[in-house]
């Protein structure tokens, strides 16, 4: 007879008595690892942003508001971000006394979909490339040279400098999260490629079941990245707002 449970990091302790003790202990250790990553994010975020804010876009240069490359970047980033899963949970199922991740294909899909945003440095929608583009717009003060983005508070006071610092902290927080993870092994040893550097470790992790915890940890860490990327989505979607058409 099999059973199933839906488990989130925030609710691990409630499964004491339902799951084997060794699994609960390992999940609690995993929770601590995720919390350590979250602490690095919090340490990077020190600027308080006045709320609410609004954006003013000014452009008086020859040509379109966005270049073809900038528009392609916006379309790609906006559509990719809007289809990232939100707050993924892990479903466990019991078969013959052993527990497995029942929705493993979802975990693999979630992690795969983050790769262009977090790893492919040549992609336009790589997080650092998106930041560089829009940080440049925030620093541009002469619309005759190109797009200038001003950030205003409720009194129409210019708070662009504060916003620039605030969003740069999020950019650094993303970098801090990624440095805390093992993305090389994740993508080149597990999900995308069969790099010989990781062959022995992958086989060991796969057979032992440690791979389950490894993917679980990265999924939750990437959930933090989604939150850190949200301000960029807000900015880009003002000028680029494609919506998926119906069947």
C-alpha atoms as a PDB file:
ATOM      1  CA  UNK A   1       0.000   0.000   0.000  1.00  0.00           C
ATOM      2  CA  UNK A   2       1.484   3.379  -0.986  1.00  0.00           C
ATOM      3  CA  UNK A   3       1.072   6.846   0.422  1.00  0.00           C
ATOM      4  CA  UNK A   4       1.859  10.384  -0.648  1.00  0.00           C
ATOM      5  CA  UNK A   5       2.724  13.695   0.973  1.00  0.00           C
ATOM      6  CA  UNK A   6       3.318  17.225  -0.293  1.00  0.00           C
ATOM      7  CA  UNK A   7       6.296  18.749   1.490  1.00  0.00           C
ATOM      8  CA  UNK A   8       7.535  22.333   1.614  1.00  0.00           C
ATOM      9  CA  UNK A   9      10.673  23.500   3.384  1.00  0.00           C
ATOM     10  CA  UNK A  10       8.569  25.576   5.768  1.00  0.00           C
ATOM     11  CA  UNK A  11       6.617  22.538   6.937  1.00  0.00           C
ATOM     12  CA  UNK A  12       9.269  19.837   7.290  1.00  0.00           C
ATOM     13  CA  UNK A  13       8.820  19.415  11.046  1.00  0.00           C
ATOM     14  CA  UNK A  14       5.149  18.552  10.693  1.00  0.00           C
ATOM     15  CA  UNK A  15       6.142  15.339   8.938  1.00  0.00           C
ATOM     16  CA  UNK A  16       7.871  13.900  11.974  1.00  0.00           C
ATOM     17  CA  UNK A  17       6.101  10.608  12.576  1.00  0.00           C
ATOM     18  CA  UNK A  18       4.876  10.388   8.970  1.00  0.00           C
ATOM     19  CA  UNK A  19       8.241   9.996   7.263  1.00  0.00           C
ATOM     20  CA  UNK A  20      11.154   7.866   8.442  1.00  0.00           C
ATOM     21  CA  UNK A  21      13.291   9.681  11.003  1.00  0.00           C
ATOM     22  CA  UNK A  22      16.402   9.615   8.825  1.00  0.00           C
ATOM     23  CA  UNK A  23      14.510  11.429   6.022  1.00  0.00           C
ATOM     24  CA  UNK A  24      13.151  14.059   8.402  1.00  0.00           C
ATOM     25  CA  UNK A  25      16.656  14.651   9.798  1.00  0.00           C
ATOM     26  CA  UNK A  26      18.072  15.004   6.288  1.00  0.00           C
ATOM     27  CA  UNK A  27      15.305  17.408   5.327  1.00  0.00           C
ATOM     28  CA  UNK A  28      15.955  19.502   8.433  1.00  0.00           C
ATOM     29  CA  UNK A  29      19.641  19.647   7.455  1.00  0.00           C
ATOM     30  CA  UNK A  30      18.542  20.677   3.978  1.00  0.00           C
ATOM     31  CA  UNK A  31      16.352  23.371   5.474  1.00  0.00           C
ATOM     32  CA  UNK A  32      19.388  24.769   7.299  1.00  0.00           C
ATOM     33  CA  UNK A  33      21.353  24.819   4.038  1.00  0.00           C
ATOM     34  CA  UNK A  34      18.557  26.739   2.315  1.00  0.00           C
ATOM     35  CA  UNK A  35      18.336  29.143   5.261  1.00  0.00           C
ATOM     36  CA  UNK A  36      22.076  29.793   4.960  1.00  0.00           C
ATOM     37  CA  UNK A  37      21.586  30.800   1.336  1.00  0.00           C
ATOM     38  CA  UNK A  38      18.681  33.042   2.352  1.00  0.00           C
ATOM     39  CA  UNK A  39      20.911  34.709   4.942  1.00  0.00           C
ATOM     40  CA  UNK A  40      23.357  35.685   2.211  1.00  0.00           C
ATOM     41  CA  UNK A  41      20.487  37.269   0.312  1.00  0.00           C
ATOM     42  CA  UNK A  42      19.383  39.253   3.353  1.00  0.00           C
ATOM     43  CA  UNK A  43      22.940  40.419   3.983  1.00  0.00           C
ATOM     44  CA  UNK A  44      23.106  41.888   0.477  1.00  0.00           C
ATOM     45  CA  UNK A  45      19.853  43.860   0.835  1.00  0.00           C
ATOM     46  CA  UNK A  46      20.411  47.004   2.893  1.00  0.00           C
ATOM     47  CA  UNK A  47      18.659  49.794   0.988  1.00  0.00           C
ATOM     48  CA  UNK A  48      15.057  50.706   1.773  1.00  0.00           C
ATOM     49  CA  UNK A  49      13.044  51.752  -1.247  1.00  0.00           C
ATOM     50  CA  UNK A  50      10.290  54.354  -0.820  1.00  0.00           C
ATOM     51  CA  UNK A  51       6.923  52.926  -1.817  1.00  0.00           C
ATOM     52  CA  UNK A  52       5.013  53.241  -3.944  1.00  0.00           C
ATOM     53  CA  UNK A  53       7.171  54.346  -6.852  1.00  0.00           C
ATOM     54  CA  UNK A  54       6.521  55.080 -10.500  1.00  0.00           C
ATOM     55  CA  UNK A  55       8.693  55.181 -13.596  1.00  0.00           C
ATOM     56  CA  UNK A  56       9.096  57.931 -16.168  1.00  0.00           C
ATOM     57  CA  UNK A  57      10.503  56.969 -19.539  1.00  0.00           C
ATOM     58  CA  UNK A  58      12.027  59.682 -21.732  1.00  0.00           C
ATOM     59  CA  UNK A  59      13.479  59.249 -25.201  1.00  0.00           C
ATOM     60  CA  UNK A  60      14.383  61.967 -27.708  1.00  0.00           C
ATOM     61  CA  UNK A  61      17.093  60.239 -29.725  1.00  0.00           C
ATOM     62  CA  UNK A  62      16.826  59.218 -33.364  1.00  0.00           C
ATOM     63  CA  UNK A  63      15.410  55.707 -33.708  1.00  0.00           C
ATOM     64  CA  UNK A  64      13.159  53.466 -31.659  1.00  0.00           C
ATOM     65  CA  UNK A  65      12.956  53.651 -27.873  1.00  0.00           C
ATOM     66  CA  UNK A  66      14.596  50.226 -27.687  1.00  0.00           C
ATOM     67  CA  UNK A  67      17.094  48.891 -30.180  1.00  0.00           C
ATOM     68  CA  UNK A  68      16.286  45.595 -31.889  1.00  0.00           C
ATOM     69  CA  UNK A  69      18.649  43.828 -29.486  1.00  0.00           C
ATOM     70  CA  UNK A  70      17.144  45.495 -26.423  1.00  0.00           C
ATOM     71  CA  UNK A  71      13.616  44.654 -27.500  1.00  0.00           C
ATOM     72  CA  UNK A  72      14.568  41.045 -28.180  1.00  0.00           C
ATOM     73  CA  UNK A  73      16.107  40.908 -24.718  1.00  0.00           C
ATOM     74  CA  UNK A  74      12.944  42.308 -23.165  1.00  0.00           C
ATOM     75  CA  UNK A  75      10.607  39.932 -24.980  1.00  0.00           C
ATOM     76  CA  UNK A  76      12.737  36.922 -24.108  1.00  0.00           C
ATOM     77  CA  UNK A  77      13.153  37.857 -20.456  1.00  0.00           C
ATOM     78  CA  UNK A  78       9.512  38.829 -19.861  1.00  0.00           C
ATOM     79  CA  UNK A  79       8.077  35.690 -21.440  1.00  0.00           C
ATOM     80  CA  UNK A  80      10.598  33.432 -19.730  1.00  0.00           C
ATOM     81  CA  UNK A  81      10.090  35.013 -16.302  1.00  0.00           C
ATOM     82  CA  UNK A  82       6.298  34.856 -16.496  1.00  0.00           C
ATOM     83  CA  UNK A  83       6.426  31.125 -17.074  1.00  0.00           C
ATOM     84  CA  UNK A  84       8.751  30.285 -14.200  1.00  0.00           C
ATOM     85  CA  UNK A  85       6.914  28.126 -11.644  1.00  0.00           C
ATOM     86  CA  UNK A  86       6.042  29.931  -8.423  1.00  0.00           C
ATOM     87  CA  UNK A  87       6.856  28.396  -5.036  1.00  0.00           C
ATOM     88  CA  UNK A  88       7.292  24.824  -6.185  1.00  0.00           C
ATOM     89  CA  UNK A  89       6.530  22.082  -3.703  1.00  0.00           C
ATOM     90  CA  UNK A  90       7.832  18.550  -3.624  1.00  0.00           C
ATOM     91  CA  UNK A  91       5.439  15.607  -3.670  1.00  0.00           C
ATOM     92  CA  UNK A  92       6.607  12.430  -1.996  1.00  0.00           C
ATOM     93  CA  UNK A  93       5.184   8.991  -2.604  1.00  0.00           C
ATOM     94  CA  UNK A  94       5.749   5.760  -0.684  1.00  0.00           C
ATOM     95  CA  UNK A  95       6.231   2.474  -2.473  1.00  0.00           C
ATOM     96  CA  UNK A  96       6.947  -0.723  -0.577  1.00  0.00           C
ATOM     97  CA  UNK A  97       8.286   1.143   2.417  1.00  0.00           C
ATOM     98  CA  UNK A  98      10.516   3.481   0.459  1.00  0.00           C
ATOM     99  CA  UNK A  99       9.888   7.142  -0.275  1.00  0.00           C
ATOM    100  CA  UNK A 100      10.460   8.855  -3.615  1.00  0.00           C
ATOM    101  CA  UNK A 101       9.959  12.301  -5.120  1.00  0.00           C
ATOM    102  CA  UNK A 102       6.771  11.787  -7.113  1.00  0.00           C
ATOM    103  CA  UNK A 103       7.072  14.970  -9.181  1.00  0.00           C
ATOM    104  CA  UNK A 104      10.745  14.655 -10.122  1.00  0.00           C
ATOM    105  CA  UNK A 105      10.035  15.705 -13.749  1.00  0.00           C
ATOM    106  CA  UNK A 106       8.727  19.035 -12.394  1.00  0.00           C
ATOM    107  CA  UNK A 107      11.901  19.627 -10.380  1.00  0.00           C
ATOM    108  CA  UNK A 108      14.032  18.957 -13.430  1.00  0.00           C
ATOM    109  CA  UNK A 109      11.851  21.245 -15.554  1.00  0.00           C
ATOM    110  CA  UNK A 110      12.029  24.078 -13.015  1.00  0.00           C
ATOM    111  CA  UNK A 111      15.798  23.895 -12.745  1.00  0.00           C
ATOM    112  CA  UNK A 112      16.300  23.600 -16.499  1.00  0.00           C
ATOM    113  CA  UNK A 113      14.199  26.666 -17.162  1.00  0.00           C
ATOM    114  CA  UNK A 114      16.418  28.844 -14.982  1.00  0.00           C
ATOM    115  CA  UNK A 115      19.574  28.029 -16.907  1.00  0.00           C
ATOM    116  CA  UNK A 116      19.402  30.796 -19.561  1.00  0.00           C
ATOM    117  CA  UNK A 117      18.734  33.382 -16.854  1.00  0.00           C
ATOM    118  CA  UNK A 118      21.473  32.251 -14.490  1.00  0.00           C
ATOM    119  CA  UNK A 119      24.196  30.445 -16.464  1.00  0.00           C
ATOM    120  CA  UNK A 120      24.293  31.317 -20.169  1.00  0.00           C
ATOM    121  CA  UNK A 121      26.378  34.480 -20.106  1.00  0.00           C
ATOM    122  CA  UNK A 122      26.063  34.989 -23.853  1.00  0.00           C
ATOM    123  CA  UNK A 123      22.262  34.995 -23.729  1.00  0.00           C
ATOM    124  CA  UNK A 124      20.629  38.422 -23.777  1.00  0.00           C
ATOM    125  CA  UNK A 125      18.333  37.441 -20.905  1.00  0.00           C
ATOM    126  CA  UNK A 126      21.189  36.288 -18.647  1.00  0.00           C
ATOM    127  CA  UNK A 127      20.514  38.154 -15.407  1.00  0.00           C
ATOM    128  CA  UNK A 128      23.711  40.224 -15.475  1.00  0.00           C
ATOM    129  CA  UNK A 129      23.111  41.301 -19.077  1.00  0.00           C
ATOM    130  CA  UNK A 130      19.560  42.407 -18.244  1.00  0.00           C
ATOM    131  CA  UNK A 131      20.852  44.337 -15.233  1.00  0.00           C
ATOM    132  CA  UNK A 132      23.555  46.051 -17.261  1.00  0.00           C
ATOM    133  CA  UNK A 133      21.070  47.170 -19.922  1.00  0.00           C
ATOM    134  CA  UNK A 134      18.548  48.655 -17.539  1.00  0.00           C
ATOM    135  CA  UNK A 135      21.053  50.036 -15.063  1.00  0.00           C
ATOM    136  CA  UNK A 136      22.402  51.985 -18.031  1.00  0.00           C
ATOM    137  CA  UNK A 137      18.944  53.424 -18.718  1.00  0.00           C
ATOM    138  CA  UNK A 138      18.675  54.445 -15.069  1.00  0.00           C
ATOM    139  CA  UNK A 139      22.004  56.288 -15.263  1.00  0.00           C
ATOM    140  CA  UNK A 140      21.198  58.065 -18.531  1.00  0.00           C
ATOM    141  CA  UNK A 141      20.091  61.633 -17.836  1.00  0.00           C
ATOM    142  CA  UNK A 142      20.032  62.984 -21.412  1.00  0.00           C
ATOM    143  CA  UNK A 143      17.075  61.582 -23.437  1.00  0.00           C
ATOM    144  CA  UNK A 144      18.658  62.907 -26.626  1.00  0.00           C
ATOM    145  CA  UNK A 145      21.321  60.206 -26.272  1.00  0.00           C
ATOM    146  CA  UNK A 146      18.881  57.365 -25.657  1.00  0.00           C
ATOM    147  CA  UNK A 147      16.311  56.000 -23.267  1.00  0.00           C
ATOM    148  CA  UNK A 148      16.360  57.626 -19.827  1.00  0.00           C
ATOM    149  CA  UNK A 149      14.418  56.022 -16.967  1.00  0.00           C
ATOM    150  CA  UNK A 150      13.567  58.122 -13.919  1.00  0.00           C
ATOM    151  CA  UNK A 151      12.103  56.707 -10.721  1.00  0.00           C
ATOM    152  CA  UNK A 152       9.683  58.900  -8.759  1.00  0.00           C
ATOM    153  CA  UNK A 153       8.102  58.668  -5.322  1.00  0.00           C
ATOM    154  CA  UNK A 154       4.560  59.737  -4.439  1.00  0.00           C
ATOM    155  CA  UNK A 155       5.664  63.389  -4.241  1.00  0.00           C
ATOM    156  CA  UNK A 156       7.229  63.196  -7.697  1.00  0.00           C
ATOM    157  CA  UNK A 157      10.667  63.420  -6.108  1.00  0.00           C
ATOM    158  CA  UNK A 158      13.395  61.744  -8.142  1.00  0.00           C
ATOM    159  CA  UNK A 159      14.575  58.643  -6.274  1.00  0.00           C
ATOM    160  CA  UNK A 160      16.465  57.104  -9.186  1.00  0.00           C
ATOM    161  CA  UNK A 161      19.726  57.008  -7.239  1.00  0.00           C
ATOM    162  CA  UNK A 162      18.099  55.074  -4.406  1.00  0.00           C
ATOM    163  CA  UNK A 163      16.377  52.693  -6.820  1.00  0.00           C
ATOM    164  CA  UNK A 164      19.639  52.123  -8.708  1.00  0.00           C
ATOM    165  CA  UNK A 165      21.344  51.137  -5.465  1.00  0.00           C
ATOM    166  CA  UNK A 166      18.359  48.981  -4.446  1.00  0.00           C
ATOM    167  CA  UNK A 167      18.245  47.031  -7.694  1.00  0.00           C
ATOM    168  CA  UNK A 168      22.039  46.637  -7.739  1.00  0.00           C
ATOM    169  CA  UNK A 169      21.789  44.976  -4.342  1.00  0.00           C
ATOM    170  CA  UNK A 170      19.361  42.478  -5.830  1.00  0.00           C
ATOM    171  CA  UNK A 171      21.772  41.844  -8.640  1.00  0.00           C
ATOM    172  CA  UNK A 172      24.514  41.103  -6.103  1.00  0.00           C
ATOM    173  CA  UNK A 173      22.103  38.923  -4.115  1.00  0.00           C
ATOM    174  CA  UNK A 174      21.491  36.788  -7.206  1.00  0.00           C
ATOM    175  CA  UNK A 175      25.236  36.391  -7.611  1.00  0.00           C
ATOM    176  CA  UNK A 176      25.551  35.435  -3.925  1.00  0.00           C
ATOM    177  CA  UNK A 177      22.866  32.751  -4.289  1.00  0.00           C
ATOM    178  CA  UNK A 178      24.474  31.287  -7.402  1.00  0.00           C
ATOM    179  CA  UNK A 179      27.891  31.177  -5.751  1.00  0.00           C
ATOM    180  CA  UNK A 180      26.329  29.214  -2.892  1.00  0.00           C
ATOM    181  CA  UNK A 181      25.105  26.528  -5.276  1.00  0.00           C
ATOM    182  CA  UNK A 182      26.742  23.893  -7.460  1.00  0.00           C
ATOM    183  CA  UNK A 183      25.400  24.932 -10.830  1.00  0.00           C
ATOM    184  CA  UNK A 184      28.336  23.449 -12.733  1.00  0.00           C
ATOM    185  CA  UNK A 185      27.496  20.003 -11.427  1.00  0.00           C
ATOM    186  CA  UNK A 186      23.748  20.639 -11.711  1.00  0.00           C
ATOM    187  CA  UNK A 187      23.780  21.465 -15.408  1.00  0.00           C
ATOM    188  CA  UNK A 188      26.938  19.847 -16.740  1.00  0.00           C
ATOM    189  CA  UNK A 189      26.803  16.691 -14.680  1.00  0.00           C
ATOM    190  CA  UNK A 190      23.071  16.063 -14.252  1.00  0.00           C
ATOM    191  CA  UNK A 191      20.525  17.995 -16.290  1.00  0.00           C
ATOM    192  CA  UNK A 192      22.101  19.100 -19.547  1.00  0.00           C
ATOM    193  CA  UNK A 193      25.409  17.371 -20.199  1.00  0.00           C
ATOM    194  CA  UNK A 194      27.385  14.280 -19.204  1.00  0.00           C
ATOM    195  CA  UNK A 195      30.667  15.914 -18.232  1.00  0.00           C
ATOM    196  CA  UNK A 196      33.180  13.208 -17.316  1.00  0.00           C
ATOM    197  CA  UNK A 197      34.317  15.324 -14.341  1.00  0.00           C
ATOM    198  CA  UNK A 198      31.037  14.531 -12.618  1.00  0.00           C
ATOM    199  CA  UNK A 199      30.340  10.992 -13.871  1.00  0.00           C
ATOM    200  CA  UNK A 200      31.456   9.194 -10.716  1.00  0.00           C
ATOM    201  CA  UNK A 201      29.689  11.591  -8.370  1.00  0.00           C
ATOM    202  CA  UNK A 202      26.484  11.538 -10.419  1.00  0.00           C
ATOM    203  CA  UNK A 203      26.282   7.739 -10.362  1.00  0.00           C
ATOM    204  CA  UNK A 204      26.925   7.687  -6.602  1.00  0.00           C
ATOM    205  CA  UNK A 205      24.337  10.405  -5.893  1.00  0.00           C
ATOM    206  CA  UNK A 206      21.772   8.799  -8.190  1.00  0.00           C
ATOM    207  CA  UNK A 207      22.026   5.324  -6.670  1.00  0.00           C
ATOM    208  CA  UNK A 208      22.248   6.512  -3.053  1.00  0.00           C
ATOM    209  CA  UNK A 209      19.305   8.904  -3.390  1.00  0.00           C
ATOM    210  CA  UNK A 210      21.394  11.951  -2.466  1.00  0.00           C
ATOM    211  CA  UNK A 211      20.448  13.393  -5.859  1.00  0.00           C
ATOM    212  CA  UNK A 212      16.908  13.919  -4.542  1.00  0.00           C
ATOM    213  CA  UNK A 213      18.137  16.269  -1.819  1.00  0.00           C
ATOM    214  CA  UNK A 214      20.542  18.025  -4.166  1.00  0.00           C
ATOM    215  CA  UNK A 215      17.815  18.910  -6.672  1.00  0.00           C
ATOM    216  CA  UNK A 216      15.385  19.792  -3.879  1.00  0.00           C
ATOM    217  CA  UNK A 217      17.839  22.291  -2.370  1.00  0.00           C
ATOM    218  CA  UNK A 218      18.507  23.957  -5.712  1.00  0.00           C
ATOM    219  CA  UNK A 219      14.815  24.254  -6.514  1.00  0.00           C
ATOM    220  CA  UNK A 220      14.169  26.163  -3.297  1.00  0.00           C
ATOM    221  CA  UNK A 221      17.223  28.358  -3.800  1.00  0.00           C
ATOM    222  CA  UNK A 222      16.043  29.203  -7.303  1.00  0.00           C
ATOM    223  CA  UNK A 223      12.712  30.241  -5.848  1.00  0.00           C
ATOM    224  CA  UNK A 224      14.669  33.038  -4.143  1.00  0.00           C
ATOM    225  CA  UNK A 225      16.116  34.005  -7.509  1.00  0.00           C
ATOM    226  CA  UNK A 226      12.639  34.410  -8.928  1.00  0.00           C
ATOM    227  CA  UNK A 227      11.880  36.981  -6.245  1.00  0.00           C
ATOM    228  CA  UNK A 228      15.153  38.820  -6.903  1.00  0.00           C
ATOM    229  CA  UNK A 229      14.388  38.945 -10.645  1.00  0.00           C
ATOM    230  CA  UNK A 230      10.898  40.406 -10.159  1.00  0.00           C
ATOM    231  CA  UNK A 231      11.976  44.115 -10.284  1.00  0.00           C
ATOM    232  CA  UNK A 232      13.584  43.509 -13.672  1.00  0.00           C
ATOM    233  CA  UNK A 233      10.390  41.923 -14.928  1.00  0.00           C
ATOM    234  CA  UNK A 234       8.437  44.929 -13.721  1.00  0.00           C
ATOM    235  CA  UNK A 235      10.753  47.323 -15.549  1.00  0.00           C
ATOM    236  CA  UNK A 236      10.964  45.402 -18.800  1.00  0.00           C
ATOM    237  CA  UNK A 237       7.264  44.615 -19.018  1.00  0.00           C
ATOM    238  CA  UNK A 238       6.351  48.318 -19.013  1.00  0.00           C
ATOM    239  CA  UNK A 239       7.675  48.698 -22.552  1.00  0.00           C
ATOM    240  CA  UNK A 240       7.369  45.056 -23.583  1.00  0.00           C
ATOM    241  CA  UNK A 241       4.195  43.308 -22.537  1.00  0.00           C
ATOM    242  CA  UNK A 242       3.556  40.234 -24.701  1.00  0.00           C
ATOM    243  CA  UNK A 243       0.776  37.943 -23.568  1.00  0.00           C
ATOM    244  CA  UNK A 244       0.418  34.357 -24.658  1.00  0.00           C
ATOM    245  CA  UNK A 245      -2.362  34.108 -27.198  1.00  0.00           C
ATOM    246  CA  UNK A 246      -5.213  31.611 -26.849  1.00  0.00           C
ATOM    247  CA  UNK A 247      -5.645  28.407 -28.804  1.00  0.00           C
END
